[in-house]
Structure formats: C-alpha cells, structure tokens
Protein backbone atom coordinates (compact mmCIF):
# COMPACT_ATOMS: atom_id res chain seq x y z
CA MET A 1 15.42 -6.56 -15.97
CA PHE A 2 17.18 -3.35 -14.83
CA PRO A 3 14.11 -1.96 -13.11
CA HIS A 4 12.41 -1.82 1.20
CA CYS A 5 14.20 -1.78 4.08
CA VAL A 6 13.62 1.49 5.55
CA HIS A 7 15.61 1.62 8.53
CA HIS A 8 16.36 5.26 9.77
CA TRP A 9 20.15 4.90 11.83
CA ILE A 10 21.43 8.07 13.27
CA PRO A 11 24.85 7.59 15.33
CA ILE A 12 24.40 9.31 18.82
CA LEU A 13 27.71 10.10 19.85
CA GLY A 14 26.66 11.55 23.27
CA ILE A 15 24.62 13.77 25.00
CA VAL A 16 26.39 17.11 26.35
CA LEU A 17 24.76 19.04 29.03
CA LEU A 18 25.95 22.26 29.66
CA LEU A 19 25.32 22.98 33.63
CA PRO A 20 26.45 26.39 35.36
CA GLY A 21 30.24 26.05 35.73
CA ARG A 22 30.59 22.79 34.56
CA LEU A 23 30.12 20.62 31.24
CA ILE A 24 28.80 17.16 31.98
CA ALA A 25 29.30 14.43 29.09
CA GLN A 26 26.71 11.53 29.11
CA ASP A 27 27.81 8.21 28.24
CA PRO A 28 25.72 6.48 25.49
CA PRO A 29 23.87 3.65 26.22
CA ALA A 30 25.63 0.42 25.81
CA GLU A 31 23.75 -0.54 22.46
CA ILE A 32 24.68 2.79 20.84
CA GLN A 33 27.99 2.24 21.89
CA VAL A 34 28.17 -1.44 20.52
CA GLU A 35 26.55 0.00 16.89
CA GLN A 36 29.29 2.71 16.77
CA GLU A 37 32.23 -0.02 16.84
CA HIS A 38 30.33 -2.03 14.45
CA PHE A 39 30.09 1.11 12.13
CA GLN A 40 33.85 1.84 12.89
CA SER A 41 34.77 -1.62 11.03
CA ARG A 42 32.13 -1.10 8.57
CA LYS A 43 33.86 0.22 5.98
CA GLN A 44 36.61 -2.06 5.99
CA GLN A 45 34.27 -5.19 6.02
CA GLY A 46 32.67 -3.21 2.89
CA HIS A 47 36.13 -2.95 1.19
CA HIS A 48 36.50 -6.95 1.71
CA ALA A 49 32.97 -7.71 0.38
CA LEU A 50 33.83 -5.41 -2.46
CA LEU A 51 36.74 -7.56 -3.84
CA LYS A 52 35.26 -10.76 -2.97
CA GLY A 53 32.21 -9.73 -5.03
CA ARG A 54 34.16 -8.55 -8.09
CA ARG A 55 36.55 -11.51 -7.85
CA TRP A 56 33.30 -13.68 -8.44
CA LEU A 57 32.34 -11.79 -11.17
CA GLU A 58 35.67 -11.94 -12.63
CA GLN A 59 35.34 -15.93 -12.41
CA GLN A 60 31.95 -15.75 -14.25
CA GLN A 61 33.20 -14.61 -17.13
CA GLU A 62 33.24 -17.28 -19.94
CA HIS A 63 36.01 -18.04 -22.49
CA SER A 64 34.42 -15.91 -25.02
CA GLY A 65 34.90 -12.66 -22.90
CA GLY A 66 31.02 -12.70 -22.08
CA TRP A 67 28.79 -13.24 -19.18
CA GLN A 68 25.71 -15.90 -19.22
CA SER A 69 22.92 -15.74 -17.39
CA LYS A 70 22.28 -19.59 -15.57
CA SER A 71 18.59 -18.40 -14.92
CA TYR A 72 17.05 -16.52 -17.64
CA ALA A 73 16.96 -18.03 -21.09
CA SER A 74 15.90 -14.33 -22.30
CA LEU A 75 19.36 -13.31 -21.80
CA GLU A 76 21.02 -16.06 -23.65
CA SER A 77 22.89 -13.94 -25.64
CA ARG A 78 24.58 -12.42 -23.12
CA VAL A 79 24.73 -9.14 -24.70
CA ALA A 80 22.51 -7.17 -21.83
CA THR A 81 24.42 -9.46 -18.91
CA SER A 82 27.89 -8.47 -20.31
CA ALA A 83 27.07 -4.81 -20.92
CA LEU A 84 25.82 -4.67 -17.26
CA VAL A 85 28.75 -6.30 -15.69
CA MET A 86 31.23 -4.32 -17.40
CA SER A 87 29.75 -0.96 -16.58
CA THR A 88 29.85 -2.16 -13.07
CA LEU A 89 33.66 -2.98 -13.05
CA VAL A 90 34.62 0.21 -14.48
CA GLU A 91 32.84 2.14 -11.88
CA PRO A 92 35.37 4.07 -10.05
CA THR A 93 36.43 2.33 -6.18
CA SER A 94 39.07 3.20 -3.70
CA ALA A 95 39.94 -0.49 -3.37
CA GLY A 96 42.57 0.20 -6.19
CA VAL A 97 41.13 -3.00 -8.27
CA GLU A 98 42.66 -3.48 -11.96
CA GLN A 99 40.72 -5.73 -14.22
CA LYS A 100 41.92 -4.15 -17.83
CA GLU A 101 42.39 -7.58 -19.01
CA THR A 102 38.54 -8.95 -17.63
CA ILE A 103 37.08 -5.74 -19.07
CA ASN A 104 38.88 -5.53 -22.51
CA ARG A 105 37.75 -9.24 -23.04
CA GLY A 106 34.45 -8.16 -22.58
CA LEU A 107 34.44 -5.64 -24.87
CA LEU A 108 36.00 -7.24 -27.49
CA PHE A 109 32.72 -9.97 -27.14
CA LEU A 110 30.34 -7.14 -27.36
CA LYS A 111 32.14 -5.56 -30.23
CA SER A 112 32.01 -8.98 -31.95
CA LYS A 113 28.05 -8.64 -31.83
CA ILE A 114 27.38 -5.29 -33.21
CA ASN A 115 27.86 -3.87 -36.66
CA GLN A 116 28.63 -0.22 -36.40
CA GLY A 117 26.89 0.65 -39.44
CA GLU A 118 23.78 -0.99 -38.30
CA ILE A 119 23.86 -0.73 -34.29
CA GLY A 120 20.48 -0.66 -33.50
CA GLN A 121 19.54 -3.87 -35.71
CA SER A 122 22.57 -5.94 -34.48
CA VAL A 123 22.11 -5.24 -30.66
CA GLU A 124 18.16 -5.81 -31.11
CA ALA A 125 18.91 -9.04 -32.65
CA GLU A 126 21.11 -9.87 -30.25
CA SER A 127 19.48 -8.59 -26.87
CA ASN A 128 16.09 -8.18 -25.36
CA TYR A 129 17.39 -5.20 -23.81
CA PRO A 130 18.80 -3.33 -26.45
CA LEU A 131 18.72 0.32 -25.24
CA TYR A 132 19.79 -0.70 -21.90
CA SER A 133 22.41 -2.65 -23.46
CA ILE A 134 23.63 0.40 -25.85
CA SER A 135 23.39 2.62 -22.83
CA LEU A 136 25.45 0.45 -20.92
CA MET A 137 28.20 -0.19 -23.68
CA LEU A 138 28.41 3.67 -24.07
CA ALA A 139 29.04 4.13 -19.96
CA THR A 140 31.67 1.69 -20.00
CA LEU A 141 33.25 3.30 -23.08
CA ASN A 142 33.00 6.58 -21.38
CA GLN A 143 34.94 5.40 -18.12
CA PHE A 144 37.44 2.77 -19.53
CA GLN A 145 38.42 3.03 -23.09
CA PRO A 146 41.64 5.45 -23.94
CA GLU A 147 40.74 7.88 -26.98
CA THR A 148 41.53 5.97 -30.11
CA THR A 149 40.24 6.58 -33.64
CA ALA A 150 38.26 3.31 -33.38
CA ASN A 151 36.83 3.79 -29.60
CA ARG A 152 36.02 7.61 -31.09
CA GLU A 153 33.91 5.95 -33.71
CA LEU A 154 32.03 3.41 -31.62
CA ARG A 155 31.14 6.03 -29.28
CA ASP A 156 29.64 8.53 -32.04
CA ALA A 157 27.81 5.55 -33.16
CA LEU A 158 26.44 4.00 -29.72
CA SER A 159 25.37 8.02 -29.45
CA ARG A 160 23.77 8.14 -32.48
CA GLU A 161 21.86 4.97 -32.09
CA LEU A 162 20.63 6.38 -28.60
CA LEU A 163 19.54 9.61 -30.09
CA ARG A 164 17.60 8.14 -32.96
CA ARG A 165 15.80 6.10 -30.71
CA GLN A 166 14.50 8.93 -28.72
CA ARG A 167 10.90 9.49 -28.60
CA ILE A 168 10.76 13.07 -30.09
CA MET A 169 7.80 14.41 -32.12
CA HIS A 170 8.28 14.88 -35.47
CA SER A 171 5.56 15.75 -38.46
CA GLY A 172 3.81 13.22 -39.49
CA ARG A 173 5.34 11.06 -36.79
CA VAL A 174 2.78 10.33 -33.73
CA SER A 175 3.68 9.49 -29.91
CA GLU A 176 2.68 6.96 -27.82
CA GLY A 177 0.75 9.85 -25.71
CA ASP A 178 0.82 13.43 -25.04
CA VAL A 179 4.23 13.52 -24.72
CA ALA A 180 7.53 12.27 -25.92
CA GLY A 181 11.15 12.85 -25.22
CA GLY A 182 11.98 9.86 -23.27
CA TRP A 183 13.27 6.10 -24.17
CA GLY A 184 11.65 2.74 -23.82
CA PRO A 185 13.38 -0.62 -23.70
CA GLY A 186 13.94 -0.73 -27.27
CA SER A 187 11.17 -1.14 -29.52
CA ASP A 188 12.39 0.62 -32.98
CA SER A 189 8.91 1.52 -33.73
CA PHE A 190 7.69 4.80 -32.55
CA TYR A 191 3.77 3.81 -33.53
CA GLN A 192 3.48 0.28 -32.52
CA GLY A 193 3.82 -1.57 -29.31
CA ALA A 194 3.92 2.05 -27.24
CA ALA A 195 1.39 0.97 -24.94
CA ALA A 196 3.13 -2.35 -24.03
CA ASN A 197 6.97 -0.80 -24.02
CA PRO A 198 6.21 2.87 -22.95
CA ALA A 199 9.19 5.41 -22.35
CA ASN A 200 10.18 4.50 -18.70
CA ILE A 201 12.23 6.93 -16.21
CA SER A 202 14.88 3.93 -16.09
CA VAL A 203 15.93 3.49 -19.40
CA THR A 204 16.00 7.28 -19.73
CA TYR A 205 17.95 7.67 -17.03
CA PHE A 206 20.85 5.08 -18.43
CA ALA A 207 20.44 6.91 -22.10
CA LEU A 208 20.88 10.42 -20.78
CA ALA A 209 23.90 9.28 -18.19
CA ALA A 210 25.41 7.59 -21.12
CA LEU A 211 25.25 10.66 -23.53
CA SER A 212 26.29 13.20 -20.79
CA GLY A 213 29.33 11.31 -20.11
CA ALA A 214 30.38 10.92 -23.81
CA GLN A 215 29.55 14.77 -24.24
CA ARG A 216 27.19 13.71 -26.85
CA LEU A 217 23.70 14.99 -25.55
CA PRO A 218 22.76 17.85 -27.74
CA LEU A 219 20.24 20.84 -26.27
CA LYS A 220 17.41 19.72 -28.33
CA SER A 221 17.44 16.08 -26.92
CA ARG A 222 17.89 17.47 -23.46
CA PHE A 223 15.14 19.72 -23.68
CA ALA A 224 12.61 16.85 -24.94
CA ALA A 225 14.11 14.76 -22.07
CA LEU A 226 13.22 17.35 -19.56
CA ASP A 227 9.90 17.61 -21.11
CA TYR A 228 9.09 13.94 -20.41
CA LEU A 229 10.81 13.84 -17.15
CA GLN A 230 7.98 16.64 -16.11
CA HIS A 231 5.35 14.22 -17.15
CA CYS A 232 6.96 11.61 -14.87
CA GLN A 233 7.32 13.60 -11.56
CA VAL A 234 4.20 13.67 -9.73
CA PRO A 235 2.69 17.29 -9.32
CA ALA A 236 1.86 18.98 -6.15
CA ASP A 237 -2.02 18.14 -5.91
CA ALA A 238 -1.23 14.37 -5.84
CA ALA A 239 -0.09 12.10 -3.18
CA GLY A 240 3.65 11.65 -3.40
CA ALA A 241 4.15 14.94 -4.77
CA GLY A 242 7.56 15.59 -6.23
CA GLY A 243 8.25 11.71 -6.34
CA PHE A 244 8.64 10.34 -9.77
CA VAL A 245 6.77 7.12 -11.60
CA PHE A 246 8.45 4.83 -13.96
CA THR A 247 6.11 5.64 -16.67
CA PHE A 248 3.80 8.51 -17.46
CA LEU A 249 1.14 6.23 -18.29
CA SER A 250 -0.64 6.48 -14.80
CA ASP A 251 -2.55 2.92 -15.02
CA HIS A 252 0.39 1.18 -16.66
CA PRO A 253 1.48 -2.17 -14.84
CA LEU A 254 4.77 -1.27 -14.89
CA ASN A 255 4.13 1.83 -12.59
CA LYS A 256 5.04 -0.89 -9.51
CA ALA A 257 3.30 1.00 -6.65
CA GLY A 258 0.26 1.35 -8.79
CA SER A 259 -2.01 4.65 -9.30
CA GLN A 260 -4.59 6.39 -7.23
CA ARG A 261 -6.51 9.87 -7.90
CA SER A 262 -5.78 13.39 -7.09
CA PRO A 263 -8.43 15.39 -5.36
CA SER A 264 -9.14 17.13 -8.68
CA GLY A 265 -10.25 13.39 -9.76
CA LYS A 266 -6.63 13.19 -12.15
CA ARG A 267 -5.34 9.55 -12.10
CA TYR A 268 -1.60 9.72 -11.19
CA GLY A 269 0.89 6.55 -10.87
CA VAL A 270 2.18 6.22 -7.40
CA PRO A 271 5.59 7.26 -6.97
CA TYR A 272 8.42 4.89 -5.43
CA LEU A 273 12.21 4.97 -4.28
CA SER A 274 14.12 3.68 -6.96
CA ALA A 275 11.94 5.48 -9.70
CA THR A 276 12.56 8.73 -8.11
CA CYS A 277 15.98 8.33 -7.63
CA ASP A 278 16.37 7.48 -11.39
CA GLY A 279 14.79 10.60 -11.79
CA ILE A 280 16.71 12.85 -10.22
CA SER A 281 20.05 11.25 -11.51
CA ALA A 282 18.21 12.24 -14.81
CA LEU A 283 17.66 15.78 -14.03
CA LEU A 284 21.28 15.94 -12.80
CA ALA A 285 22.48 14.49 -16.35
CA CYS A 286 20.44 17.07 -17.86
CA ASP A 287 22.81 19.50 -15.86
CA VAL A 288 19.53 20.54 -13.77
CA PRO A 289 21.62 21.94 -10.53
CA ALA A 290 20.99 20.29 -7.30
CA ASP A 291 19.34 23.59 -5.73
CA ASP A 292 16.89 23.43 -8.70
CA ARG A 293 13.10 23.03 -7.54
CA ARG A 294 12.60 19.95 -9.51
CA VAL A 295 15.59 18.22 -7.88
CA GLN A 296 14.78 19.67 -4.28
CA THR A 297 11.21 18.42 -4.35
CA ALA A 298 12.08 14.52 -5.27
CA ILE A 299 14.79 14.76 -2.25
CA HIS A 300 12.37 15.90 -0.05
CA VAL A 301 9.48 13.31 -0.52
CA LEU A 302 12.09 10.12 -0.61
CA PRO A 303 11.43 9.38 3.19
CA GLN A 304 7.42 9.47 2.72
CA LEU A 305 7.89 7.13 -0.59
CA THR A 306 5.49 4.26 -0.82
CA HIS A 307 6.96 0.60 -1.09
CA ALA A 308 6.77 -0.86 -5.03
CA ARG A 309 3.73 -3.18 -5.31
CA LEU A 310 6.39 -5.82 -6.21
CA ALA A 311 8.20 -5.41 -2.70
CA VAL A 312 5.27 -7.01 -0.49
CA LEU A 313 6.78 -10.10 0.74
CA PRO A 314 4.62 -13.04 -0.09
CA LEU A 315 5.60 -15.30 2.45
CA SER A 316 5.76 -15.47 6.28
CA ALA A 317 8.56 -13.73 7.94
CA GLU A 318 9.28 -17.16 9.78
CA SER A 319 10.15 -18.91 6.03
CA LEU A 320 12.58 -16.54 4.80
CA PRO A 321 14.10 -15.23 8.39
CA ALA A 322 17.48 -14.10 6.52
CA TYR A 323 15.39 -12.37 3.84
CA GLN A 324 12.85 -9.94 6.19
CA LYS A 325 14.85 -6.82 4.74
CA LEU A 326 15.04 -7.67 1.37
CA ASP A 327 12.33 -7.32 -1.35
CA ALA A 328 12.21 -7.81 -5.17
CA LEU A 329 13.50 -4.62 -6.18
CA PHE A 330 16.50 -4.48 -3.16
CA PHE A 331 19.66 -4.48 -5.56
CA TYR A 332 18.64 -2.21 -8.15
CA GLU A 333 17.03 0.26 -5.62
CA ALA A 334 20.06 0.13 -3.51
CA ALA A 335 22.37 0.87 -6.49
CA ALA A 336 20.07 3.38 -7.50
CA THR A 337 19.59 5.00 -4.08
CA THR A 338 23.50 5.13 -3.24
CA ARG A 339 24.30 6.63 -6.94
CA VAL A 340 22.03 9.66 -5.95
CA TRP A 341 23.61 9.97 -2.24
CA LYS A 342 27.45 9.93 -4.21
CA GLN A 343 25.89 12.41 -6.90
CA LEU A 344 24.35 15.12 -4.43
CA LYS A 345 27.76 14.62 -2.04
CA GLU A 346 29.67 15.54 -4.78
CA ARG A 347 27.75 18.58 -5.53
CA GLY A 348 28.13 19.45 -1.59
CA VAL A 349 24.59 18.15 -0.57
CA GLU A 350 23.98 16.26 2.51
CA ASN A 351 20.88 14.70 3.25
CA SER A 352 20.16 12.99 6.17
CA TYR A 353 17.73 10.34 5.19
CA LEU A 354 19.85 9.10 2.37
CA ASN A 355 23.32 8.86 4.68
CA ALA A 356 20.89 6.72 6.82
CA ARG A 357 19.56 4.33 3.79
CA CYS A 358 23.63 4.28 2.58
CA HIS A 359 24.63 3.18 6.44
CA GLU A 360 21.86 0.40 6.15
CA ILE A 361 22.41 -0.79 2.46
CA LEU A 362 26.00 -1.14 3.22
CA ARG A 363 25.15 -3.18 6.53
CA THR A 364 22.67 -5.18 4.62
CA LEU A 365 25.11 -6.25 1.78
CA ILE A 366 27.80 -7.09 3.98
CA ALA A 367 25.40 -9.52 6.25
CA ARG A 368 23.65 -10.92 2.75
CA GLN A 369 26.70 -11.48 0.70
CA GLN A 370 26.90 -15.46 0.23
CA ALA A 371 30.66 -17.30 1.51
CA ASP A 372 31.68 -17.34 -2.60
CA GLY A 373 31.28 -13.64 -3.07
CA HIS A 374 27.68 -13.45 -4.71
CA TRP A 375 24.15 -11.89 -3.89
CA GLU A 376 21.32 -13.18 -4.74
CA ASN A 377 17.68 -12.21 -4.16
CA PRO A 378 14.82 -15.27 -3.10
CA LEU A 379 12.25 -13.26 -5.12
CA PRO A 380 12.28 -13.46 -8.31
CA TRP A 381 10.04 -11.01 -10.11
CA MET A 382 12.68 -8.28 -10.93
CA MET A 383 15.48 -11.38 -12.13
CA GLU A 384 17.24 -10.71 -8.95
CA ASP A 385 17.24 -14.05 -8.32
CA ASP A 386 20.05 -14.55 -10.72
CA PRO A 387 23.20 -13.67 -8.86
CA LEU A 388 24.88 -12.19 -12.18
CA ILE A 389 22.11 -9.36 -11.52
CA ALA A 390 22.01 -8.90 -8.11
CA THR A 391 25.80 -9.10 -7.64
CA THR A 392 26.52 -6.39 -10.16
CA PHE A 393 23.90 -4.05 -8.54
CA ALA A 394 25.20 -4.66 -5.13
CA LEU A 395 28.75 -4.07 -6.14
CA GLN A 396 27.39 -0.66 -7.82
CA ALA A 397 26.02 0.21 -4.45
CA LEU A 398 29.52 -0.68 -2.38
CA HIS A 399 31.56 1.24 -5.09
CA ARG A 400 29.41 4.51 -4.32
CA CYS A 401 28.91 3.57 -0.61
CA LEU A 402 32.73 3.44 -0.46
CA ALA A 403 33.89 5.76 -2.83
CA PRO A 404 36.39 8.37 -1.31
CA ALA A 405 35.00 11.85 -0.50
CA GLU A 406 35.34 14.49 -3.04
C-alpha cells in the first residue's frame, strides 16, 4: 500500500564574462528566461495546490470521522487510510492551515477501533497494514495532540506495541534470516510467514520515525535497527553501492528493481530511489549524523539509481500522453524524496540532485492536480490509482517542498 521522472533542472541566471577593464553580462536564452519566470510563480501555485488538495481530503471525511477507500476492499475498515490521511494533515506547512476539528474527529474514529490493552490484536483485526497504521497513529499524536494523561498513555501503548513487533533476536526465537532488527508489515509471528512478509525498509522507517518522534526509541532497539539497515544497504562491491533495497532477502519479489550478482558472485537486490530515501530517513531517525559515511554514500548514489521494475510504463506514450512522467510509485517516491531533501536542508546539507528533483516534483504535482483538488495515478500496481492514497502522498511532497527554510 504505502511502498521516475528524473529530470535535471538547474536554473541558469546568466553567463558573466570578465574581460580586461570590462564586465560583460550575457543574457540567458529566451527559453531559460521563460523558465525563470515560471519558477518565480511556482511556489505560489504550489500553495494554491496544497490548499485545494487539503480541502479535497477534508471533504472526503465520513460522518464517522474516518476516510474510506473507494477503490480497494482491502482498506474497507478505514483504519489504514484514516491514519495515513491524518499523519499528512498534521505535517507542518507554511500555508497556515488549521484543521483541528477534522483531525480530532479522525482521532476519535481511530480510538474507537483500538483497545489500549490489546492494541496489536485490535489494529490487526481492523487493518491489513497494522504496523503502518500504528506508526502513523503515533506520528499523528506526536505532532498534534496536547500532552494530556490520556494521550500520553495512548502514545505509550502504541510505542510499546511497535517495540514489541520489532524483529529482535531472542534466545529460543528464530529470525527470518541471518539478521533481525527491522519491522515487517504486521504479521505477529516471528517464526511464520517471514518469507512472505519479511521486514522491509519502508515499515522500518515509519516505525523508527514514530518512536523517535515520541522519544521512545531505546538504545537496544536503535542498535538492532541499525544492524538491519546495514544489511539493506548495498555494499561496495555491488552495483548501486550505498543504495538501499526494500528487503535484505535479495531475490524477494518486493525488491522492485530485481536482483543481480556482484563480481564476487553474491546475489544482491538492486537499490532504487524510494527505498534508498527510506533508508536515509531511517538512519537519520536513529540519530546517525548527516555527514556519516552510511548517509553520504546513500546520498551520493541517488542520481545513479535504476528505476523500480514497476516503474516501466506498459503502455505507449501516445496512449497516456498526460502521464509520461508518472510511474506506479510516483507519489510515494515524491513524498520520500522531498522528505529526505527537507531533512538534509534542516541539517545544513545542500544537494543539487535533490534540489533538481524537488523542483521537478513540484512542477509535476501542480500540472497533474485534478480540477476538484485530488491526484491519482493511472497505474494500479501500488494502489496509487486510489485518489485518497495518491492525494495524501502528493500533499506530503507539497508540504515539504513549500516548508519555510529553517
């Protein structure tokens, strides 16, 4: 559910030539002047798109307080979709939007679906994506709710459940492979179903971010997570060294860029952009500094990463002319890319590749927004053809692109 338009756009302000005794400024080409004028108004257009998209999301809220997917029966309980929407609406934005009533109603809906004494069982019974749902509920509470006894107790209960679900080695307990420390989509059994539902980089990032935001990530869990992340980061002797794969099980079909063998003959998953962005964010959530080698090698490889296998458009360009720049992971990838860009900027790290991608993402989101304010993907493989899912990820990307500089 929740897990490439690569276009390098670098504005050219002018060519300045220093000659003996004279300074001559050459005007940029006409097409670049036009592009500059468009860029000047892009942020204003982005703010308009942001407000319009948030208004559309608010209008989709049901009387119960939840949000219902109209595309997928597997999301019928509304727990996963509601948690995703609310975690998006509470993201800081420079637009000055207040939607406390909407979020309060959503929280009341989610609280009605969980039993604090048995959070794991109650959420798993209501959601096909329990670990995403729990992480997003906790992330929402971290951002939005005041510090009351009831909210503190709920955050504690959600945190305990996330920590309980981390796949840490214990005596007499068998892991799904030669490493543990990550989070999977929600299967409660550490022994069974591991091949079908292995720990993955996406759920691991969301769990770490929620626990870190709640200040409830103990050192033992952090070190175990870092061990897992090390196994998901491609080593130096393989293609895409420094990038991240979705799961360390190299031949698993969820590794969406496939796998290949290194010169030494060992098989590795091929890293791709959204997985690598999740890996970078997971490292940062574990308090790894931005200048650490693990973070820097991942940032360095971003421009070289292959497209995910699902990103191949099966239709001719003529049949989908308006969506030539979209793929099945476009909106999730846009949210992940802009998240890393914002996290690095907050740490004083500038990256020209991420700058260019964020400019292109902003331009694409403005151009592809539907008249009523929503977004959707024509490709169904990652559920982004559901407007509720596509719109939440699109808004996350806009929030981050338009956030004021720290």
